[in-house]
All heavy atoms as atom14 arrays in JSON, in Angstrom:
{
  "sequence": "LVIPKIVDRVKNNEIVKGDRLNTVTSHKESGLAKI",
  "atom14_mask": [
    [1, 1, 1, 1, 1, 1, 1, 1, 0, 0, 0, 0, 0, 0],
    [1, 1, 1, 1, 1, 1, 1, 0, 0, 0, 0, 0, 0, 0],
    [1, 1, 1, 1, 1, 1, 1, 1, 0, 0, 0, 0, 0, 0],
    [1, 1, 1, 1, 1, 1, 1, 0, 0, 0, 0, 0, 0, 0],
    [1, 1, 1, 1, 1, 1, 1, 1, 1, 0, 0, 0, 0, 0],
    [1, 1, 1, 1, 1, 1, 1, 1, 0, 0, 0, 0, 0, 0],
    [1, 1, 1, 1, 1, 1, 1, 0, 0, 0, 0, 0, 0, 0],
    [1, 1, 1, 1, 1, 1, 1, 1, 0, 0, 0, 0, 0, 0],
    [1, 1, 1, 1, 1, 1, 1, 1, 1, 1, 1, 0, 0, 0],
    [1, 1, 1, 1, 1, 1, 1, 0, 0, 0, 0, 0, 0, 0],
    [1, 1, 1, 1, 1, 1, 1, 1, 1, 0, 0, 0, 0, 0],
    [1, 1, 1, 1, 1, 1, 1, 1, 0, 0, 0, 0, 0, 0],
    [1, 1, 1, 1, 1, 1, 1, 1, 0, 0, 0, 0, 0, 0],
    [1, 1, 1, 1, 1, 1, 1, 1, 1, 0, 0, 0, 0, 0],
    [1, 1, 1, 1, 1, 1, 1, 1, 0, 0, 0, 0, 0, 0],
    [1, 1, 1, 1, 1, 1, 1, 0, 0, 0, 0, 0, 0, 0],
    [1, 1, 1, 1, 1, 1, 1, 1, 1, 0, 0, 0, 0, 0],
    [1, 1, 1, 1, 0, 0, 0, 0, 0, 0, 0, 0, 0, 0],
    [1, 1, 1, 1, 1, 1, 1, 1, 0, 0, 0, 0, 0, 0],
    [1, 1, 1, 1, 1, 1, 1, 1, 1, 1, 1, 0, 0, 0],
    [1, 1, 1, 1, 1, 1, 1, 1, 0, 0, 0, 0, 0, 0],
    [1, 1, 1, 1, 1, 1, 1, 1, 0, 0, 0, 0, 0, 0],
    [1, 1, 1, 1, 1, 1, 1, 0, 0, 0, 0, 0, 0, 0],
    [1, 1, 1, 1, 1, 1, 1, 0, 0, 0, 0, 0, 0, 0],
    [1, 1, 1, 1, 1, 1, 1, 0, 0, 0, 0, 0, 0, 0],
    [1, 1, 1, 1, 1, 1, 0, 0, 0, 0, 0, 0, 0, 0],
    [1, 1, 1, 1, 1, 1, 1, 1, 1, 1, 0, 0, 0, 0],
    [1, 1, 1, 1, 1, 1, 1, 1, 1, 0, 0, 0, 0, 0],
    [1, 1, 1, 1, 1, 1, 1, 1, 1, 0, 0, 0, 0, 0],
    [1, 1, 1, 1, 1, 1, 0, 0, 0, 0, 0, 0, 0, 0],
    [1, 1, 1, 1, 0, 0, 0, 0, 0, 0, 0, 0, 0, 0],
    [1, 1, 1, 1, 1, 1, 1, 1, 0, 0, 0, 0, 0, 0],
    [1, 1, 1, 1, 1, 0, 0, 0, 0, 0, 0, 0, 0, 0],
    [1, 1, 1, 1, 1, 1, 1, 1, 1, 0, 0, 0, 0, 0],
    [1, 1, 1, 1, 1, 1, 1, 1, 0, 0, 0, 0, 0, 0]
  ],
  "atom14_positions": [
    [[9.63, -2.28, -21.29], [8.51, -1.48, -20.8], [8.19, -1.69, -19.32], [7.82, -0.76, -18.61], [7.25, -1.8, -21.62], [7.32, -1.43, -23.11], [6.02, -1.84, -23.81], [7.54, 0.07, -23.28], [0.0, 0.0, 0.0], [0.0, 0.0, 0.0], [0.0, 0.0, 0.0], [0.0, 0.0, 0.0], [0.0, 0.0, 0.0], [0.0, 0.0, 0.0]],
    [[8.3, -2.92, -18.82], [7.79, -3.26, -17.49], [8.86, -3.3, -16.41], [8.66, -2.8, -15.31], [7.04, -4.61, -17.54], [6.56, -5.0, -16.15], [5.88, -4.53, -18.51], [0.0, 0.0, 0.0], [0.0, 0.0, 0.0], [0.0, 0.0, 0.0], [0.0, 0.0, 0.0], [0.0, 0.0, 0.0], [0.0, 0.0, 0.0], [0.0, 0.0, 0.0]],
    [[9.99, -3.9, -16.69], [11.02, -4.1, -15.65], [11.47, -2.8, -15.01], [11.6, -2.72, -13.79], [12.2, -4.9, -16.21], [11.76, -6.34, -16.47], [13.4, -4.86, -15.26], [12.83, -7.22, -17.08], [0.0, 0.0, 0.0], [0.0, 0.0, 0.0], [0.0, 0.0, 0.0], [0.0, 0.0, 0.0], [0.0, 0.0, 0.0], [0.0, 0.0, 0.0]],
    [[11.72, -1.72, -15.8], [12.11, -0.46, -15.13], [11.07, 0.03, -14.12], [11.42, 0.59, -13.09], [12.24, 0.52, -16.32], [12.57, -0.35, -17.48], [11.75, -1.61, -17.26], [0.0, 0.0, 0.0], [0.0, 0.0, 0.0], [0.0, 0.0, 0.0], [0.0, 0.0, 0.0], [0.0, 0.0, 0.0], [0.0, 0.0, 0.0], [0.0, 0.0, 0.0]],
    [[9.77, -0.2, -14.42], [8.72, 0.22, -13.47], [8.78, -0.59, -12.19], [8.58, -0.07, -11.09], [7.35, 0.07, -14.12], [7.13, 1.02, -15.3], [5.74, 0.84, -15.88], [5.52, 1.8, -17.05], [4.16, 1.65, -17.62], [0.0, 0.0, 0.0], [0.0, 0.0, 0.0], [0.0, 0.0, 0.0], [0.0, 0.0, 0.0], [0.0, 0.0, 0.0]],
    [[9.05, -1.88, -12.31], [9.17, -2.74, -11.12], [10.37, -2.29, -10.28], [10.29, -2.22, -9.05], [9.32, -4.21, -11.54], [8.04, -4.69, -12.22], [9.63, -5.08, -10.32], [8.11, -6.1, -12.75], [0.0, 0.0, 0.0], [0.0, 0.0, 0.0], [0.0, 0.0, 0.0], [0.0, 0.0, 0.0], [0.0, 0.0, 0.0], [0.0, 0.0, 0.0]],
    [[11.47, -1.99, -10.95], [12.67, -1.54, -10.23], [12.38, -0.26, -9.47], [12.77, -0.09, -8.31], [13.84, -1.33, -11.22], [15.01, -0.65, -10.51], [14.27, -2.65, -11.82], [0.0, 0.0, 0.0], [0.0, 0.0, 0.0], [0.0, 0.0, 0.0], [0.0, 0.0, 0.0], [0.0, 0.0, 0.0], [0.0, 0.0, 0.0], [0.0, 0.0, 0.0]],
    [[11.64, 0.68, -10.12], [11.3, 1.93, -9.44], [10.43, 1.69, -8.22], [10.61, 2.33, -7.18], [10.57, 2.87, -10.41], [11.49, 3.44, -11.47], [12.72, 3.44, -11.23], [11.0, 3.88, -12.52], [0.0, 0.0, 0.0], [0.0, 0.0, 0.0], [0.0, 0.0, 0.0], [0.0, 0.0, 0.0], [0.0, 0.0, 0.0], [0.0, 0.0, 0.0]],
    [[9.5, 0.74, -8.32], [8.62, 0.45, -7.18], [9.41, -0.15, -6.02], [9.16, 0.16, -4.85], [7.52, -0.52, -7.59], [6.49, 0.1, -8.52], [5.38, -0.89, -8.83], [4.59, -1.13, -7.63], [3.73, -2.14, -7.52], [3.59, -3.01, -8.5], [3.02, -2.29, -6.42], [0.0, 0.0, 0.0], [0.0, 0.0, 0.0], [0.0, 0.0, 0.0]],
    [[10.37, -0.99, -6.33], [11.22, -1.56, -5.28], [12.02, -0.46, -4.6], [12.14, -0.4, -3.38], [12.16, -2.63, -5.86], [13.17, -3.07, -4.82], [11.36, -3.82, -6.37], [0.0, 0.0, 0.0], [0.0, 0.0, 0.0], [0.0, 0.0, 0.0], [0.0, 0.0, 0.0], [0.0, 0.0, 0.0], [0.0, 0.0, 0.0], [0.0, 0.0, 0.0]],
    [[12.6, 0.43, -5.42], [13.39, 1.53, -4.85], [12.55, 2.42, -3.95], [13.01, 2.93, -2.95], [14.01, 2.37, -5.98], [15.13, 1.68, -6.72], [15.7, 2.59, -7.8], [16.86, 1.94, -8.55], [17.39, 2.82, -9.61], [0.0, 0.0, 0.0], [0.0, 0.0, 0.0], [0.0, 0.0, 0.0], [0.0, 0.0, 0.0], [0.0, 0.0, 0.0]],
    [[11.28, 2.61, -4.32], [10.39, 3.48, -3.57], [9.62, 2.76, -2.48], [8.7, 3.3, -1.88], [9.41, 4.18, -4.51], [10.1, 5.12, -5.48], [11.1, 5.74, -5.13], [9.58, 5.2, -6.7], [0.0, 0.0, 0.0], [0.0, 0.0, 0.0], [0.0, 0.0, 0.0], [0.0, 0.0, 0.0], [0.0, 0.0, 0.0], [0.0, 0.0, 0.0]],
    [[9.98, 1.46, -2.27], [9.33, 0.66, -1.23], [7.83, 0.53, -1.46], [7.03, 0.56, -0.53], [9.58, 1.25, 0.15], [9.29, 0.25, 1.25], [9.41, -0.95, 1.06], [8.91, 0.76, 2.41], [0.0, 0.0, 0.0], [0.0, 0.0, 0.0], [0.0, 0.0, 0.0], [0.0, 0.0, 0.0], [0.0, 0.0, 0.0], [0.0, 0.0, 0.0]],
    [[7.41, 0.4, -2.71], [6.0, 0.31, -3.05], [5.62, -1.05, -3.58], [4.5, -1.27, -4.01], [5.64, 1.37, -4.09], [5.78, 2.8, -3.57], [5.45, 3.83, -4.64], [5.32, 3.42, -5.81], [5.32, 5.0, -4.3], [0.0, 0.0, 0.0], [0.0, 0.0, 0.0], [0.0, 0.0, 0.0], [0.0, 0.0, 0.0], [0.0, 0.0, 0.0]],
    [[6.53, -1.99, -3.54], [6.28, -3.28, -4.17], [5.16, -4.06, -3.5], [4.48, -4.87, -4.11], [7.58, -4.13, -4.18], [7.43, -5.31, -5.16], [7.93, -4.59, -2.8], [7.32, -4.93, -6.58], [0.0, 0.0, 0.0], [0.0, 0.0, 0.0], [0.0, 0.0, 0.0], [0.0, 0.0, 0.0], [0.0, 0.0, 0.0], [0.0, 0.0, 0.0]],
    [[4.92, -3.81, -2.18], [3.87, -4.55, -1.48], [2.59, -3.74, -1.32], [1.64, -4.19, -0.71], [4.35, -5.0, -0.09], [5.51, -5.94, -0.19], [4.7, -3.8, 0.78], [0.0, 0.0, 0.0], [0.0, 0.0, 0.0], [0.0, 0.0, 0.0], [0.0, 0.0, 0.0], [0.0, 0.0, 0.0], [0.0, 0.0, 0.0], [0.0, 0.0, 0.0]],
    [[2.59, -2.53, -1.85], [1.42, -1.68, -1.69], [0.39, -1.96, -2.78], [0.73, -2.12, -3.94], [1.82, -0.19, -1.73], [2.65, 0.24, -0.52], [2.93, 1.72, -0.57], [3.74, 2.16, 0.65], [4.06, 3.59, 0.61], [0.0, 0.0, 0.0], [0.0, 0.0, 0.0], [0.0, 0.0, 0.0], [0.0, 0.0, 0.0], [0.0, 0.0, 0.0]],
    [[-0.87, -1.98, -2.39], [-1.94, -2.17, -3.35], [-3.17, -1.46, -2.88], [-3.26, -1.02, -1.73], [0.0, 0.0, 0.0], [0.0, 0.0, 0.0], [0.0, 0.0, 0.0], [0.0, 0.0, 0.0], [0.0, 0.0, 0.0], [0.0, 0.0, 0.0], [0.0, 0.0, 0.0], [0.0, 0.0, 0.0], [0.0, 0.0, 0.0], [0.0, 0.0, 0.0]],
    [[-4.16, -1.32, -3.74], [-5.37, -0.58, -3.38], [-6.07, -1.2, -2.18], [-6.54, -0.51, -1.29], [-6.32, -0.54, -4.59], [-5.75, 0.31, -5.71], [-4.89, 1.15, -5.42], [-6.16, 0.12, -6.87], [0.0, 0.0, 0.0], [0.0, 0.0, 0.0], [0.0, 0.0, 0.0], [0.0, 0.0, 0.0], [0.0, 0.0, 0.0], [0.0, 0.0, 0.0]],
    [[-6.17, -2.5, -2.13], [-6.87, -3.17, -1.03], [-6.14, -2.96, 0.27], [-6.74, -2.65, 1.31], [-7.0, -4.67, -1.34], [-7.78, -5.44, -0.28], [-8.01, -6.87, -0.74], [-8.73, -7.62, 0.28], [-8.16, -8.23, 1.28], [-6.84, -8.2, 1.4], [-8.86, -8.89, 2.19], [0.0, 0.0, 0.0], [0.0, 0.0, 0.0], [0.0, 0.0, 0.0]],
    [[-4.82, -3.11, 0.27], [-4.04, -2.93, 1.49], [-4.15, -1.5, 1.97], [-4.32, -1.23, 3.16], [-2.56, -3.28, 1.24], [-1.61, -3.12, 2.43], [-2.05, -4.03, 3.57], [-0.19, -3.45, 2.01], [0.0, 0.0, 0.0], [0.0, 0.0, 0.0], [0.0, 0.0, 0.0], [0.0, 0.0, 0.0], [0.0, 0.0, 0.0], [0.0, 0.0, 0.0]],
    [[-4.06, -0.54, 1.04], [-4.15, 0.86, 1.43], [-5.51, 1.19, 2.03], [-5.62, 1.95, 2.97], [-3.89, 1.75, 0.21], [-2.44, 1.75, -0.22], [-1.58, 1.41, 0.57], [-2.19, 2.09, -1.47], [0.0, 0.0, 0.0], [0.0, 0.0, 0.0], [0.0, 0.0, 0.0], [0.0, 0.0, 0.0], [0.0, 0.0, 0.0], [0.0, 0.0, 0.0]],
    [[-6.56, 0.59, 1.49], [-7.9, 0.85, 1.99], [-8.07, 0.34, 3.41], [-8.6, 1.02, 4.28], [-8.95, 0.17, 1.08], [-8.8, 0.69, -0.24], [-10.35, 0.43, 1.58], [0.0, 0.0, 0.0], [0.0, 0.0, 0.0], [0.0, 0.0, 0.0], [0.0, 0.0, 0.0], [0.0, 0.0, 0.0], [0.0, 0.0, 0.0], [0.0, 0.0, 0.0]],
    [[-7.56, -0.87, 3.69], [-7.66, -1.45, 5.02], [-6.9, -0.62, 6.04], [-7.38, -0.29, 7.1], [-7.14, -2.91, 5.02], [-7.07, -3.43, 6.44], [-8.05, -3.78, 4.19], [0.0, 0.0, 0.0], [0.0, 0.0, 0.0], [0.0, 0.0, 0.0], [0.0, 0.0, 0.0], [0.0, 0.0, 0.0], [0.0, 0.0, 0.0], [0.0, 0.0, 0.0]],
    [[-5.67, -0.21, 5.67], [-4.85, 0.59, 6.58], [-5.52, 1.92, 6.88], [-5.59, 2.35, 8.04], [-3.46, 0.84, 5.97], [-2.84, -0.42, 5.71], [-2.58, 1.63, 6.92], [0.0, 0.0, 0.0], [0.0, 0.0, 0.0], [0.0, 0.0, 0.0], [0.0, 0.0, 0.0], [0.0, 0.0, 0.0], [0.0, 0.0, 0.0], [0.0, 0.0, 0.0]],
    [[-6.06, 2.55, 5.85], [-6.71, 3.84, 6.04], [-7.92, 3.71, 6.95], [-8.16, 4.56, 7.8], [-7.14, 4.39, 4.67], [-7.86, 5.59, 4.82], [0.0, 0.0, 0.0], [0.0, 0.0, 0.0], [0.0, 0.0, 0.0], [0.0, 0.0, 0.0], [0.0, 0.0, 0.0], [0.0, 0.0, 0.0], [0.0, 0.0, 0.0], [0.0, 0.0, 0.0]],
    [[-8.66, 2.6, 6.82], [-9.84, 2.39, 7.66], [-9.45, 2.26, 9.12], [-10.09, 2.83, 10.0], [-10.58, 1.14, 7.19], [-11.72, 0.76, 8.07], [-12.89, 1.48, 8.12], [-11.87, -0.26, 8.96], [-13.72, 0.92, 8.98], [-13.13, -0.13, 9.51], [0.0, 0.0, 0.0], [0.0, 0.0, 0.0], [0.0, 0.0, 0.0], [0.0, 0.0, 0.0]],
    [[-8.39, 1.54, 9.4], [-7.95, 1.34, 10.79], [-7.46, 2.64, 11.4], [-7.64, 2.88, 12.57], [-6.85, 0.28, 10.84], [-7.37, -1.14, 10.65], [-6.26, -2.14, 10.87], [-6.79, -3.57, 10.76], [-5.73, -4.56, 10.98], [0.0, 0.0, 0.0], [0.0, 0.0, 0.0], [0.0, 0.0, 0.0], [0.0, 0.0, 0.0], [0.0, 0.0, 0.0]],
    [[-6.82, 3.47, 10.56], [-6.28, 4.71, 11.1], [-7.38, 5.71, 11.43], [-7.23, 6.53, 12.32], [-5.3, 5.31, 10.1], [-3.99, 4.53, 9.97], [-3.08, 5.1, 8.91], [-3.54, 5.99, 8.18], [-1.93, 4.67, 8.81], [0.0, 0.0, 0.0], [0.0, 0.0, 0.0], [0.0, 0.0, 0.0], [0.0, 0.0, 0.0], [0.0, 0.0, 0.0]],
    [[-8.51, 5.65, 10.73], [-9.54, 6.66, 10.9], [-10.64, 6.25, 11.88], [-11.46, 7.07, 12.27], [-10.19, 6.98, 9.55], [-10.81, 5.81, 9.03], [0.0, 0.0, 0.0], [0.0, 0.0, 0.0], [0.0, 0.0, 0.0], [0.0, 0.0, 0.0], [0.0, 0.0, 0.0], [0.0, 0.0, 0.0], [0.0, 0.0, 0.0], [0.0, 0.0, 0.0]],
    [[-10.67, 4.99, 12.29], [-11.73, 4.53, 13.18], [-11.19, 3.87, 14.43], [-10.07, 3.39, 14.47], [0.0, 0.0, 0.0], [0.0, 0.0, 0.0], [0.0, 0.0, 0.0], [0.0, 0.0, 0.0], [0.0, 0.0, 0.0], [0.0, 0.0, 0.0], [0.0, 0.0, 0.0], [0.0, 0.0, 0.0], [0.0, 0.0, 0.0], [0.0, 0.0, 0.0]],
    [[-12.02, 3.87, 15.49], [-11.67, 3.22, 16.74], [-12.65, 2.08, 17.02], [-13.82, 2.17, 16.69], [-11.73, 4.23, 17.9], [-10.75, 5.41, 17.82], [-11.01, 6.37, 18.97], [-9.32, 4.94, 17.82], [0.0, 0.0, 0.0], [0.0, 0.0, 0.0], [0.0, 0.0, 0.0], [0.0, 0.0, 0.0], [0.0, 0.0, 0.0], [0.0, 0.0, 0.0]],
    [[-12.13, 1.04, 17.64], [-12.97, -0.11, 17.95], [-14.01, 0.26, 19.0], [-13.76, 1.07, 19.89], [-12.11, -1.27, 18.46], [0.0, 0.0, 0.0], [0.0, 0.0, 0.0], [0.0, 0.0, 0.0], [0.0, 0.0, 0.0], [0.0, 0.0, 0.0], [0.0, 0.0, 0.0], [0.0, 0.0, 0.0], [0.0, 0.0, 0.0], [0.0, 0.0, 0.0]],
    [[-15.2, -0.31, 18.87], [-16.27, -0.1, 19.83], [-16.39, -1.37, 20.68], [-16.75, -2.43, 20.18], [-17.59, 0.2, 19.13], [-18.73, 0.54, 20.07], [-20.03, 0.73, 19.31], [-19.97, 1.95, 18.42], [-21.28, 2.2, 17.75], [0.0, 0.0, 0.0], [0.0, 0.0, 0.0], [0.0, 0.0, 0.0], [0.0, 0.0, 0.0], [0.0, 0.0, 0.0]],
    [[-16.09, -1.26, 22.0], [-16.08, -2.41, 22.88], [-17.48, -2.74, 23.39], [-17.86, -3.9, 23.52], [-15.14, -2.17, 24.08], [-13.73, -1.8, 23.58], [-15.07, -3.4, 24.97], [-13.12, -2.81, 22.64], [0.0, 0.0, 0.0], [0.0, 0.0, 0.0], [0.0, 0.0, 0.0], [0.0, 0.0, 0.0], [0.0, 0.0, 0.0], [0.0, 0.0, 0.0]]
  ]
}
């Protein structure tokens, strides 16, 4: 049940992606630092 899903994630380069990481990246892309 599980190993094929892990293999697919590796093939799709998604093994390091997670909700928290995606949220942080999205925040940086949409905002600019205020000096």
